[in-house]
């Protein structure tokens, strides 16, 4: 099925400056497909160095965040959530002079990473990547940021094929606890010293951000508000076929809703995981859906434990749910 990007997450700020030509070692920084190519040719990146990069892309890794603590939340922050941060504990501890490493959905002017003046690191998650392995690209950007001069943004590049992945750098026992923000003010710890470019990028990003809340009673479920209706999008770790069977059992039995006026409308795939989606009335808040979501989780667990063949009604329900699936790259 055709791939498309989600329509309800924040628009990624466009790069407006700070990208140079090829590095001394010949690397051309990665920018947006429609941005001018950093090599100075005057052509768009996708028609210049981006064309070669696309052909040289590594084989797509279907689950780039598999094995990381909070895989479902990694997927949500990559595809669904406009403004969020999460502290990243490193396997070997923080290097001297780096007080913290923080994952951020988006950074000013679409920077892949930023070493702040105080030495702390912000790593952007929603940027385009140069290969088919998001984890390797992010790990390469993180390593660059850890050694960058304070106050320096880090540009993307093609990661070495033998380079580490996030799974090699992050503490496998560390907690992954996203904090969802109403806007992108976390970019600017000192508003007085914000540059005009960053201030303009902040204004654009805040204007595009969709109000989003992470539920507290279940894992990786995110409520969002849109003009006509609200939604709940819930990233689930279960094998896809088994999950779809369980959802179909509940849907056919009339037990797939989250309360009056709510409806399970389908699901989509993102980075190897399945994300069921519910439509909610505009009057239903994130707090309102906490208890129904927890109750649904119990019903889903029971349905997942059932191995009986699907009935005719359940097969029809499953067909309806799968007919509305899309895949996000």
C-alpha atoms as a PDB file:
ATOM      1  CA  UNK A   1       0.000   0.000   0.000  1.00  0.00           C
ATOM      2  CA  UNK A   2       1.219   3.496  -0.720  1.00  0.00           C
ATOM      3  CA  UNK A   3       3.284   5.071   1.983  1.00  0.00           C
ATOM      4  CA  UNK A   4       2.434   8.463   3.376  1.00  0.00           C
ATOM      5  CA  UNK A   5       3.419  10.635   6.271  1.00  0.00           C
ATOM      6  CA  UNK A   6       0.898  11.273   9.076  1.00  0.00           C
ATOM      7  CA  UNK A   7      -1.189  14.394   8.633  1.00  0.00           C
ATOM      8  CA  UNK A   8      -1.643  15.376  12.244  1.00  0.00           C
ATOM      9  CA  UNK A   9       1.835  15.817  13.594  1.00  0.00           C
ATOM     10  CA  UNK A  10       3.748  19.063  13.682  1.00  0.00           C
ATOM     11  CA  UNK A  11       5.248  20.270  10.439  1.00  0.00           C
ATOM     12  CA  UNK A  12       8.984  19.953  10.620  1.00  0.00           C
ATOM     13  CA  UNK A  13      10.656  23.346  10.550  1.00  0.00           C
ATOM     14  CA  UNK A  14      12.496  24.032   7.308  1.00  0.00           C
ATOM     15  CA  UNK A  15      16.242  24.592   7.349  1.00  0.00           C
ATOM     16  CA  UNK A  16      16.968  28.273   6.804  1.00  0.00           C
ATOM     17  CA  UNK A  17      20.690  28.387   7.228  1.00  0.00           C
ATOM     18  CA  UNK A  18      23.757  26.980   8.835  1.00  0.00           C
ATOM     19  CA  UNK A  19      24.445  24.291   6.226  1.00  0.00           C
ATOM     20  CA  UNK A  20      27.819  24.419   4.573  1.00  0.00           C
ATOM     21  CA  UNK A  21      29.285  22.767   1.507  1.00  0.00           C
ATOM     22  CA  UNK A  22      31.017  19.416   1.542  1.00  0.00           C
ATOM     23  CA  UNK A  23      33.155  18.657   4.583  1.00  0.00           C
ATOM     24  CA  UNK A  24      36.896  18.301   4.317  1.00  0.00           C
ATOM     25  CA  UNK A  25      36.475  14.545   4.050  1.00  0.00           C
ATOM     26  CA  UNK A  26      34.059  14.935   1.155  1.00  0.00           C
ATOM     27  CA  UNK A  27      30.777  14.356   3.011  1.00  0.00           C
ATOM     28  CA  UNK A  28      27.892  16.493   1.761  1.00  0.00           C
ATOM     29  CA  UNK A  29      25.504  17.239   4.658  1.00  0.00           C
ATOM     30  CA  UNK A  30      21.998  15.808   4.421  1.00  0.00           C
ATOM     31  CA  UNK A  31      19.226  18.412   4.120  1.00  0.00           C
ATOM     32  CA  UNK A  32      15.562  18.331   3.159  1.00  0.00           C
ATOM     33  CA  UNK A  33      14.818  16.950  -0.315  1.00  0.00           C
ATOM     34  CA  UNK A  34      13.600  20.340  -1.585  1.00  0.00           C
ATOM     35  CA  UNK A  35      16.358  22.393   0.028  1.00  0.00           C
ATOM     36  CA  UNK A  36      19.270  23.747  -2.061  1.00  0.00           C
ATOM     37  CA  UNK A  37      22.037  21.153  -2.235  1.00  0.00           C
ATOM     38  CA  UNK A  38      24.856  22.069   0.210  1.00  0.00           C
ATOM     39  CA  UNK A  39      27.431  21.404  -2.526  1.00  0.00           C
ATOM     40  CA  UNK A  40      26.575  24.809  -4.038  1.00  0.00           C
ATOM     41  CA  UNK A  41      25.309  23.521  -7.401  1.00  0.00           C
ATOM     42  CA  UNK A  42      22.135  25.587  -7.154  1.00  0.00           C
ATOM     43  CA  UNK A  43      19.959  22.503  -7.633  1.00  0.00           C
ATOM     44  CA  UNK A  44      17.641  20.964  -5.061  1.00  0.00           C
ATOM     45  CA  UNK A  45      19.218  18.286  -2.889  1.00  0.00           C
ATOM     46  CA  UNK A  46      16.939  15.541  -4.290  1.00  0.00           C
ATOM     47  CA  UNK A  47      18.129  16.344  -7.826  1.00  0.00           C
ATOM     48  CA  UNK A  48      21.794  16.588  -6.908  1.00  0.00           C
ATOM     49  CA  UNK A  49      23.683  14.732  -4.145  1.00  0.00           C
ATOM     50  CA  UNK A  50      20.391  13.444  -2.731  1.00  0.00           C
ATOM     51  CA  UNK A  51      19.906  11.334  -5.854  1.00  0.00           C
ATOM     52  CA  UNK A  52      23.118   9.414  -5.258  1.00  0.00           C
ATOM     53  CA  UNK A  53      22.326   9.162  -1.557  1.00  0.00           C
ATOM     54  CA  UNK A  54      18.948   7.621  -2.324  1.00  0.00           C
ATOM     55  CA  UNK A  55      20.525   4.976  -4.562  1.00  0.00           C
ATOM     56  CA  UNK A  56      23.171   4.217  -1.947  1.00  0.00           C
ATOM     57  CA  UNK A  57      20.709   3.874   0.917  1.00  0.00           C
ATOM     58  CA  UNK A  58      21.104   0.778   3.003  1.00  0.00           C
ATOM     59  CA  UNK A  59      18.412  -1.871   3.154  1.00  0.00           C
ATOM     60  CA  UNK A  60      15.448  -0.671   5.176  1.00  0.00           C
ATOM     61  CA  UNK A  61      15.492  -1.825   8.794  1.00  0.00           C
ATOM     62  CA  UNK A  62      11.845  -2.583   9.534  1.00  0.00           C
ATOM     63  CA  UNK A  63      12.108  -2.106  13.315  1.00  0.00           C
ATOM     64  CA  UNK A  64      14.942   0.378  13.878  1.00  0.00           C
ATOM     65  CA  UNK A  65      14.085   0.877  17.562  1.00  0.00           C
ATOM     66  CA  UNK A  66      13.729  -2.813  18.442  1.00  0.00           C
ATOM     67  CA  UNK A  67      15.637  -3.671  21.600  1.00  0.00           C
ATOM     68  CA  UNK A  68      15.601  -0.143  22.973  1.00  0.00           C
ATOM     69  CA  UNK A  69      13.693   0.525  26.215  1.00  0.00           C
ATOM     70  CA  UNK A  70      10.341   2.037  25.240  1.00  0.00           C
ATOM     71  CA  UNK A  71      10.335   0.956  21.578  1.00  0.00           C
ATOM     72  CA  UNK A  72       6.651   1.872  21.220  1.00  0.00           C
ATOM     73  CA  UNK A  73       7.264   5.380  22.543  1.00  0.00           C
ATOM     74  CA  UNK A  74      10.245   5.809  20.204  1.00  0.00           C
ATOM     75  CA  UNK A  75       7.888   5.080  17.299  1.00  0.00           C
ATOM     76  CA  UNK A  76       5.283   7.482  18.675  1.00  0.00           C
ATOM     77  CA  UNK A  77       7.802  10.300  19.098  1.00  0.00           C
ATOM     78  CA  UNK A  78       9.143   9.690  15.608  1.00  0.00           C
ATOM     79  CA  UNK A  79       5.739   9.632  13.864  1.00  0.00           C
ATOM     80  CA  UNK A  80       2.946  11.024  16.037  1.00  0.00           C
ATOM     81  CA  UNK A  81       4.036  13.545  18.637  1.00  0.00           C
ATOM     82  CA  UNK A  82       4.873  17.145  17.702  1.00  0.00           C
ATOM     83  CA  UNK A  83       6.798  18.302  20.779  1.00  0.00           C
ATOM     84  CA  UNK A  84       8.384  15.914  23.256  1.00  0.00           C
ATOM     85  CA  UNK A  85      11.684  15.173  24.957  1.00  0.00           C
ATOM     86  CA  UNK A  86      13.218  12.195  26.759  1.00  0.00           C
ATOM     87  CA  UNK A  87      16.486  11.873  28.641  1.00  0.00           C
ATOM     88  CA  UNK A  88      18.853   9.309  27.128  1.00  0.00           C
ATOM     89  CA  UNK A  89      21.175   7.396  29.495  1.00  0.00           C
ATOM     90  CA  UNK A  90      24.353   6.240  27.750  1.00  0.00           C
ATOM     91  CA  UNK A  91      25.729   2.726  28.200  1.00  0.00           C
ATOM     92  CA  UNK A  92      29.194   4.008  29.125  1.00  0.00           C
ATOM     93  CA  UNK A  93      27.998   7.077  31.025  1.00  0.00           C
ATOM     94  CA  UNK A  94      28.170  10.717  30.006  1.00  0.00           C
ATOM     95  CA  UNK A  95      31.517  12.003  28.678  1.00  0.00           C
ATOM     96  CA  UNK A  96      33.256  14.725  30.633  1.00  0.00           C
ATOM     97  CA  UNK A  97      31.708  18.094  29.862  1.00  0.00           C
ATOM     98  CA  UNK A  98      28.354  16.638  28.731  1.00  0.00           C
ATOM     99  CA  UNK A  99      25.848  17.102  31.569  1.00  0.00           C
ATOM    100  CA  UNK A 100      22.948  15.432  29.740  1.00  0.00           C
ATOM    101  CA  UNK A 101      21.758  13.920  26.471  1.00  0.00           C
ATOM    102  CA  UNK A 102      18.130  14.596  25.547  1.00  0.00           C
ATOM    103  CA  UNK A 103      16.107  13.225  22.662  1.00  0.00           C
ATOM    104  CA  UNK A 104      13.799  15.821  21.094  1.00  0.00           C
ATOM    105  CA  UNK A 105      11.170  15.267  18.433  1.00  0.00           C
ATOM    106  CA  UNK A 106      12.260  18.350  16.468  1.00  0.00           C
ATOM    107  CA  UNK A 107      15.059  20.897  16.836  1.00  0.00           C
ATOM    108  CA  UNK A 108      15.285  24.503  15.580  1.00  0.00           C
ATOM    109  CA  UNK A 109      15.687  24.785  11.824  1.00  0.00           C
ATOM    110  CA  UNK A 110      15.576  20.968  11.552  1.00  0.00           C
ATOM    111  CA  UNK A 111      19.068  20.527  13.000  1.00  0.00           C
ATOM    112  CA  UNK A 112      19.819  16.820  13.475  1.00  0.00           C
ATOM    113  CA  UNK A 113      21.493  17.599  16.816  1.00  0.00           C
ATOM    114  CA  UNK A 114      22.738  20.500  18.911  1.00  0.00           C
ATOM    115  CA  UNK A 115      25.508  20.832  21.471  1.00  0.00           C
ATOM    116  CA  UNK A 116      24.292  23.613  23.734  1.00  0.00           C
ATOM    117  CA  UNK A 117      26.471  26.279  25.300  1.00  0.00           C
ATOM    118  CA  UNK A 118      26.474  24.371  28.602  1.00  0.00           C
ATOM    119  CA  UNK A 119      27.726  21.222  26.848  1.00  0.00           C
ATOM    120  CA  UNK A 120      24.430  19.332  26.959  1.00  0.00           C
ATOM    121  CA  UNK A 121      23.250  17.528  23.813  1.00  0.00           C
ATOM    122  CA  UNK A 122      19.880  17.618  22.078  1.00  0.00           C
ATOM    123  CA  UNK A 123      19.317  14.854  19.498  1.00  0.00           C
ATOM    124  CA  UNK A 124      16.542  15.392  16.935  1.00  0.00           C
ATOM    125  CA  UNK A 125      14.371  12.386  16.086  1.00  0.00           C
ATOM    126  CA  UNK A 126      12.047  13.478  13.279  1.00  0.00           C
ATOM    127  CA  UNK A 127      14.669  14.527  10.727  1.00  0.00           C
ATOM    128  CA  UNK A 128      15.068  12.772   7.398  1.00  0.00           C
ATOM    129  CA  UNK A 129      17.847  10.201   7.554  1.00  0.00           C
ATOM    130  CA  UNK A 130      20.413   9.222   4.958  1.00  0.00           C
ATOM    131  CA  UNK A 131      20.004   5.456   5.037  1.00  0.00           C
ATOM    132  CA  UNK A 132      17.469   2.753   5.692  1.00  0.00           C
ATOM    133  CA  UNK A 133      18.568   2.368   9.318  1.00  0.00           C
ATOM    134  CA  UNK A 134      17.311   5.246  11.449  1.00  0.00           C
ATOM    135  CA  UNK A 135      19.055   3.817  14.501  1.00  0.00           C
ATOM    136  CA  UNK A 136      22.501   3.878  12.866  1.00  0.00           C
ATOM    137  CA  UNK A 137      21.980   7.390  11.510  1.00  0.00           C
ATOM    138  CA  UNK A 138      20.890   8.690  14.911  1.00  0.00           C
ATOM    139  CA  UNK A 139      23.814   6.999  16.628  1.00  0.00           C
ATOM    140  CA  UNK A 140      26.239   8.651  14.208  1.00  0.00           C
ATOM    141  CA  UNK A 141      24.658  12.052  14.800  1.00  0.00           C
ATOM    142  CA  UNK A 142      24.795  11.495  18.568  1.00  0.00           C
ATOM    143  CA  UNK A 143      28.489  10.626  18.430  1.00  0.00           C
ATOM    144  CA  UNK A 144      29.187  13.796  16.452  1.00  0.00           C
ATOM    145  CA  UNK A 145      27.226  15.868  18.968  1.00  0.00           C
ATOM    146  CA  UNK A 146      29.112  14.441  21.952  1.00  0.00           C
ATOM    147  CA  UNK A 147      32.386  15.795  20.560  1.00  0.00           C
ATOM    148  CA  UNK A 148      31.103  19.001  18.940  1.00  0.00           C
ATOM    149  CA  UNK A 149      32.101  22.374  20.307  1.00  0.00           C
ATOM    150  CA  UNK A 150      29.539  23.832  22.754  1.00  0.00           C
ATOM    151  CA  UNK A 151      27.035  26.080  21.029  1.00  0.00           C
ATOM    152  CA  UNK A 152      27.312  24.133  17.753  1.00  0.00           C
ATOM    153  CA  UNK A 153      24.541  22.498  15.685  1.00  0.00           C
ATOM    154  CA  UNK A 154      25.401  19.140  14.116  1.00  0.00           C
ATOM    155  CA  UNK A 155      24.573  18.444  10.496  1.00  0.00           C
ATOM    156  CA  UNK A 156      23.450  15.061   9.188  1.00  0.00           C
ATOM    157  CA  UNK A 157      25.633  12.851   7.044  1.00  0.00           C
ATOM    158  CA  UNK A 158      25.727   9.284   5.800  1.00  0.00           C
ATOM    159  CA  UNK A 159      26.689   7.077   8.730  1.00  0.00           C
ATOM    160  CA  UNK A 160      29.464   4.529   8.180  1.00  0.00           C
ATOM    161  CA  UNK A 161      27.961   1.130   7.381  1.00  0.00           C
ATOM    162  CA  UNK A 162      30.009  -0.427  10.175  1.00  0.00           C
ATOM    163  CA  UNK A 163      29.151   2.310  12.671  1.00  0.00           C
ATOM    164  CA  UNK A 164      27.255   1.695  15.926  1.00  0.00           C
ATOM    165  CA  UNK A 165      23.498   1.839  16.343  1.00  0.00           C
ATOM    166  CA  UNK A 166      21.556   3.417  19.193  1.00  0.00           C
ATOM    167  CA  UNK A 167      21.290  -0.051  20.715  1.00  0.00           C
ATOM    168  CA  UNK A 168      25.096  -0.016  21.052  1.00  0.00           C
ATOM    169  CA  UNK A 169      25.270   3.414  22.704  1.00  0.00           C
ATOM    170  CA  UNK A 170      22.269   3.636  25.026  1.00  0.00           C
ATOM    171  CA  UNK A 171      21.915   1.913  28.396  1.00  0.00           C
ATOM    172  CA  UNK A 172      19.651  -1.118  27.795  1.00  0.00           C
ATOM    173  CA  UNK A 173      18.477  -0.929  31.408  1.00  0.00           C
ATOM    174  CA  UNK A 174      17.800   2.801  31.331  1.00  0.00           C
ATOM    175  CA  UNK A 175      14.270   4.150  31.514  1.00  0.00           C
ATOM    176  CA  UNK A 176      12.724   5.878  28.495  1.00  0.00           C
ATOM    177  CA  UNK A 177      10.178   8.372  29.820  1.00  0.00           C
ATOM    178  CA  UNK A 178       8.898  10.854  27.234  1.00  0.00           C
ATOM    179  CA  UNK A 179       7.681  14.252  28.353  1.00  0.00           C
ATOM    180  CA  UNK A 180       5.131  15.765  25.966  1.00  0.00           C
ATOM    181  CA  UNK A 181       5.229  19.560  25.684  1.00  0.00           C
ATOM    182  CA  UNK A 182       2.556  21.975  24.497  1.00  0.00           C
ATOM    183  CA  UNK A 183       5.146  23.792  22.371  1.00  0.00           C
ATOM    184  CA  UNK A 184       8.829  24.007  21.587  1.00  0.00           C
ATOM    185  CA  UNK A 185       9.959  26.431  24.277  1.00  0.00           C
ATOM    186  CA  UNK A 186      12.383  23.757  25.510  1.00  0.00           C
ATOM    187  CA  UNK A 187      14.546  24.864  22.576  1.00  0.00           C
ATOM    188  CA  UNK A 188      15.367  28.169  24.221  1.00  0.00           C
ATOM    189  CA  UNK A 189      16.498  27.929  27.857  1.00  0.00           C
ATOM    190  CA  UNK A 190      17.484  31.607  27.633  1.00  0.00           C
ATOM    191  CA  UNK A 191      14.904  33.486  25.502  1.00  0.00           C
ATOM    192  CA  UNK A 192      16.893  36.714  25.876  1.00  0.00           C
ATOM    193  CA  UNK A 193      19.736  35.321  23.766  1.00  0.00           C
ATOM    194  CA  UNK A 194      17.651  33.581  21.095  1.00  0.00           C
ATOM    195  CA  UNK A 195      18.753  34.339  17.532  1.00  0.00           C
ATOM    196  CA  UNK A 196      16.169  35.670  15.048  1.00  0.00           C
ATOM    197  CA  UNK A 197      16.371  32.457  12.984  1.00  0.00           C
ATOM    198  CA  UNK A 198      15.650  30.270  16.013  1.00  0.00           C
ATOM    199  CA  UNK A 199      12.874  32.604  17.194  1.00  0.00           C
ATOM    200  CA  UNK A 200      11.209  32.439  13.770  1.00  0.00           C
ATOM    201  CA  UNK A 201      11.585  28.646  13.658  1.00  0.00           C
ATOM    202  CA  UNK A 202      10.047  28.422  17.139  1.00  0.00           C
ATOM    203  CA  UNK A 203       7.074  30.538  16.109  1.00  0.00           C
ATOM    204  CA  UNK A 204       6.415  28.395  13.014  1.00  0.00           C
ATOM    205  CA  UNK A 205       6.752  25.140  14.944  1.00  0.00           C
ATOM    206  CA  UNK A 206       4.415  26.253  17.735  1.00  0.00           C
ATOM    207  CA  UNK A 207       1.813  27.361  15.197  1.00  0.00           C
ATOM    208  CA  UNK A 208       1.840  23.924  13.535  1.00  0.00           C
ATOM    209  CA  UNK A 209       1.888  21.787  16.691  1.00  0.00           C
ATOM    210  CA  UNK A 210      -1.206  19.657  17.326  1.00  0.00           C
ATOM    211  CA  UNK A 211      -2.189  19.478  21.034  1.00  0.00           C
ATOM    212  CA  UNK A 212      -1.088  16.020  22.196  1.00  0.00           C
ATOM    213  CA  UNK A 213      -1.157  14.196  25.558  1.00  0.00           C
ATOM    214  CA  UNK A 214       0.458  10.893  26.529  1.00  0.00           C
ATOM    215  CA  UNK A 215      -1.883   8.719  28.609  1.00  0.00           C
ATOM    216  CA  UNK A 216      -0.563   7.704  32.011  1.00  0.00           C
ATOM    217  CA  UNK A 217      -2.538   4.495  32.610  1.00  0.00           C
ATOM    218  CA  UNK A 218      -1.363   2.528  29.547  1.00  0.00           C
ATOM    219  CA  UNK A 219       1.844   2.442  27.542  1.00  0.00           C
ATOM    220  CA  UNK A 220       2.490   4.452  24.354  1.00  0.00           C
ATOM    221  CA  UNK A 221      -1.070   5.772  23.856  1.00  0.00           C
ATOM    222  CA  UNK A 222      -1.367   9.387  22.688  1.00  0.00           C
ATOM    223  CA  UNK A 223      -4.467  11.563  22.601  1.00  0.00           C
ATOM    224  CA  UNK A 224      -4.524  14.455  20.153  1.00  0.00           C
ATOM    225  CA  UNK A 225      -6.932  17.275  19.423  1.00  0.00           C
ATOM    226  CA  UNK A 226      -7.951  18.280  15.910  1.00  0.00           C
ATOM    227  CA  UNK A 227     -10.589  20.809  14.794  1.00  0.00           C
ATOM    228  CA  UNK A 228     -13.423  18.367  14.041  1.00  0.00           C
ATOM    229  CA  UNK A 229     -12.689  15.415  16.322  1.00  0.00           C
ATOM    230  CA  UNK A 230     -10.071  14.085  18.680  1.00  0.00           C
ATOM    231  CA  UNK A 231      -8.094  10.871  18.271  1.00  0.00           C
ATOM    232  CA  UNK A 232      -6.301   8.248  20.297  1.00  0.00           C
ATOM    233  CA  UNK A 233      -3.322   6.596  18.591  1.00  0.00           C
ATOM    234  CA  UNK A 234      -1.837   3.696  20.493  1.00  0.00           C
ATOM    235  CA  UNK A 235       1.462   2.087  19.461  1.00  0.00           C
ATOM    236  CA  UNK A 236       1.351  -1.600  20.379  1.00  0.00           C
ATOM    237  CA  UNK A 237       4.214  -4.129  20.612  1.00  0.00           C
ATOM    238  CA  UNK A 238       2.242  -7.275  19.758  1.00  0.00           C
ATOM    239  CA  UNK A 239       2.850  -9.263  16.534  1.00  0.00           C
ATOM    240  CA  UNK A 240       0.698  -7.700  13.849  1.00  0.00           C
ATOM    241  CA  UNK A 241      -1.366 -10.711  12.786  1.00  0.00           C
ATOM    242  CA  UNK A 242      -2.156 -11.703  16.360  1.00  0.00           C
ATOM    243  CA  UNK A 243      -3.050  -8.110  17.266  1.00  0.00           C
ATOM    244  CA  UNK A 244      -5.357  -7.721  14.263  1.00  0.00           C
ATOM    245  CA  UNK A 245      -7.128 -10.957  15.154  1.00  0.00           C
ATOM    246  CA  UNK A 246      -7.632  -9.721  18.719  1.00  0.00           C
ATOM    247  CA  UNK A 247      -8.899  -6.334  17.569  1.00  0.00           C
ATOM    248  CA  UNK A 248     -11.277  -8.068  15.165  1.00  0.00           C
ATOM    249  CA  UNK A 249     -12.680 -10.263  17.966  1.00  0.00           C
ATOM    250  CA  UNK A 250     -13.381  -7.197  20.078  1.00  0.00           C
ATOM    251  CA  UNK A 251     -14.743  -5.180  17.157  1.00  0.00           C
ATOM    252  CA  UNK A 252     -17.162  -7.922  16.111  1.00  0.00           C
ATOM    253  CA  UNK A 253     -18.354  -8.237  19.701  1.00  0.00           C
ATOM    254  CA  UNK A 254     -18.974  -4.488  19.977  1.00  0.00           C
ATOM    255  CA  UNK A 255     -16.240  -4.143  22.605  1.00  0.00           C
ATOM    256  CA  UNK A 256     -13.610  -2.165  20.702  1.00  0.00           C
ATOM    257  CA  UNK A 257     -14.777   1.345  21.565  1.00  0.00           C
ATOM    258  CA  UNK A 258     -13.469   3.590  24.336  1.00  0.00           C
ATOM    259  CA  UNK A 259     -16.867   4.830  25.416  1.00  0.00           C
ATOM    260  CA  UNK A 260     -19.936   6.523  23.978  1.00  0.00           C
ATOM    261  CA  UNK A 261     -19.324   8.208  20.640  1.00  0.00           C
ATOM    262  CA  UNK A 262     -15.860   6.694  20.200  1.00  0.00           C
ATOM    263  CA  UNK A 263     -14.922   4.296  17.416  1.00  0.00           C
ATOM    264  CA  UNK A 264     -11.968   2.112  16.434  1.00  0.00           C
ATOM    265  CA  UNK A 265     -11.472   3.246  12.835  1.00  0.00           C
ATOM    266  CA  UNK A 266      -8.450   1.211  11.782  1.00  0.00           C
ATOM    267  CA  UNK A 267      -4.713   1.096  12.240  1.00  0.00           C
ATOM    268  CA  UNK A 268      -1.448   1.870  10.534  1.00  0.00           C
ATOM    269  CA  UNK A 269       2.049   0.416  10.558  1.00  0.00           C
ATOM    270  CA  UNK A 270       5.045   2.450  11.648  1.00  0.00           C
ATOM    271  CA  UNK A 271       8.595   1.115  11.948  1.00  0.00           C
ATOM    272  CA  UNK A 272       7.444  -2.469  12.249  1.00  0.00           C
ATOM    273  CA  UNK A 273       4.712  -1.896  14.838  1.00  0.00           C
ATOM    274  CA  UNK A 274       0.938  -1.583  14.538  1.00  0.00           C
ATOM    275  CA  UNK A 275      -0.880   1.547  15.718  1.00  0.00           C
ATOM    276  CA  UNK A 276      -4.663   1.265  16.242  1.00  0.00           C
ATOM    277  CA  UNK A 277      -6.549   4.559  15.928  1.00  0.00           C
ATOM    278  CA  UNK A 278      -9.791   5.654  17.574  1.00  0.00           C
ATOM    279  CA  UNK A 279     -11.951   8.613  16.639  1.00  0.00           C
ATOM    280  CA  UNK A 280     -13.198  10.491  19.700  1.00  0.00           C
ATOM    281  CA  UNK A 281     -15.806  13.235  20.042  1.00  0.00           C
ATOM    282  CA  UNK A 282     -14.257  16.686  20.353  1.00  0.00           C
ATOM    283  CA  UNK A 283     -15.625  16.824  23.906  1.00  0.00           C
ATOM    284  CA  UNK A 284     -13.567  13.774  25.014  1.00  0.00           C
ATOM    285  CA  UNK A 285     -10.331  14.856  26.664  1.00  0.00           C
ATOM    286  CA  UNK A 286      -7.209  12.833  27.390  1.00  0.00           C
ATOM    287  CA  UNK A 287      -8.298  12.546  31.018  1.00  0.00           C
ATOM    288  CA  UNK A 288     -11.716  11.251  29.940  1.00  0.00           C
ATOM    289  CA  UNK A 289     -10.173   8.391  27.980  1.00  0.00           C
ATOM    290  CA  UNK A 290      -7.722   7.195  30.656  1.00  0.00           C
ATOM    291  CA  UNK A 291     -10.108   4.756  32.362  1.00  0.00           C
ATOM    292  CA  UNK A 292     -11.702   3.419  29.148  1.00  0.00           C
ATOM    293  CA  UNK A 293      -8.214   2.819  27.695  1.00  0.00           C
ATOM    294  CA  UNK A 294      -7.133   0.859  30.763  1.00  0.00           C
ATOM    295  CA  UNK A 295     -10.312  -1.236  30.552  1.00  0.00           C
ATOM    296  CA  UNK A 296      -9.730  -1.828  26.843  1.00  0.00           C
ATOM    297  CA  UNK A 297      -6.184  -3.016  27.610  1.00  0.00           C
ATOM    298  CA  UNK A 298      -7.668  -5.748  29.818  1.00  0.00           C
ATOM    299  CA  UNK A 299     -10.120  -6.815  27.095  1.00  0.00           C
ATOM    300  CA  UNK A 300      -7.323  -6.830  24.541  1.00  0.00           C
ATOM    301  CA  UNK A 301      -5.104  -9.007  26.735  1.00  0.00           C
ATOM    302  CA  UNK A 302      -7.894 -11.591  26.966  1.00  0.00           C
ATOM    303  CA  UNK A 303      -8.475 -11.476  23.208  1.00  0.00           C
ATOM    304  CA  UNK A 304      -4.747 -11.873  22.528  1.00  0.00           C
ATOM    305  CA  UNK A 305      -4.745 -15.029  24.636  1.00  0.00           C
ATOM    306  CA  UNK A 306      -7.443 -16.651  22.472  1.00  0.00           C
ATOM    307  CA  UNK A 307      -6.324 -19.082  19.767  1.00  0.00           C
ATOM    308  CA  UNK A 308      -9.734 -20.089  18.423  1.00  0.00           C
ATOM    309  CA  UNK A 309     -10.283 -19.537  14.667  1.00  0.00           C
ATOM    310  CA  UNK A 310     -12.053 -16.297  13.775  1.00  0.00           C
ATOM    311  CA  UNK A 311     -15.776 -16.533  13.194  1.00  0.00           C
ATOM    312  CA  UNK A 312     -17.363 -15.178  10.008  1.00  0.00           C
ATOM    313  CA  UNK A 313     -18.285 -11.924  11.766  1.00  0.00           C
ATOM    314  CA  UNK A 314     -14.771 -11.608  13.165  1.00  0.00           C
ATOM    315  CA  UNK A 315     -13.239 -12.182   9.720  1.00  0.00           C
ATOM    316  CA  UNK A 316     -15.443  -9.433   8.301  1.00  0.00           C
ATOM    317  CA  UNK A 317     -14.400  -7.125  11.130  1.00  0.00           C
ATOM    318  CA  UNK A 318     -10.757  -7.929  10.506  1.00  0.00           C
ATOM    319  CA  UNK A 319     -11.145  -7.201   6.797  1.00  0.00           C
ATOM    320  CA  UNK A 320     -12.671  -3.836   7.575  1.00  0.00           C
ATOM    321  CA  UNK A 321      -9.805  -2.928   9.893  1.00  0.00           C
ATOM    322  CA  UNK A 322      -7.051  -4.061   7.534  1.00  0.00           C
ATOM    323  CA  UNK A 323      -8.628  -2.353   4.516  1.00  0.00           C
ATOM    324  CA  UNK A 324      -7.975   0.943   6.260  1.00  0.00           C
ATOM    325  CA  UNK A 325      -4.304   0.265   7.008  1.00  0.00           C
ATOM    326  CA  UNK A 326      -1.463   2.414   5.749  1.00  0.00           C
ATOM    327  CA  UNK A 327       2.262   2.091   6.278  1.00  0.00           C
ATOM    328  CA  UNK A 328       4.489   4.915   7.466  1.00  0.00           C
ATOM    329  CA  UNK A 329       8.110   4.710   6.403  1.00  0.00           C
END
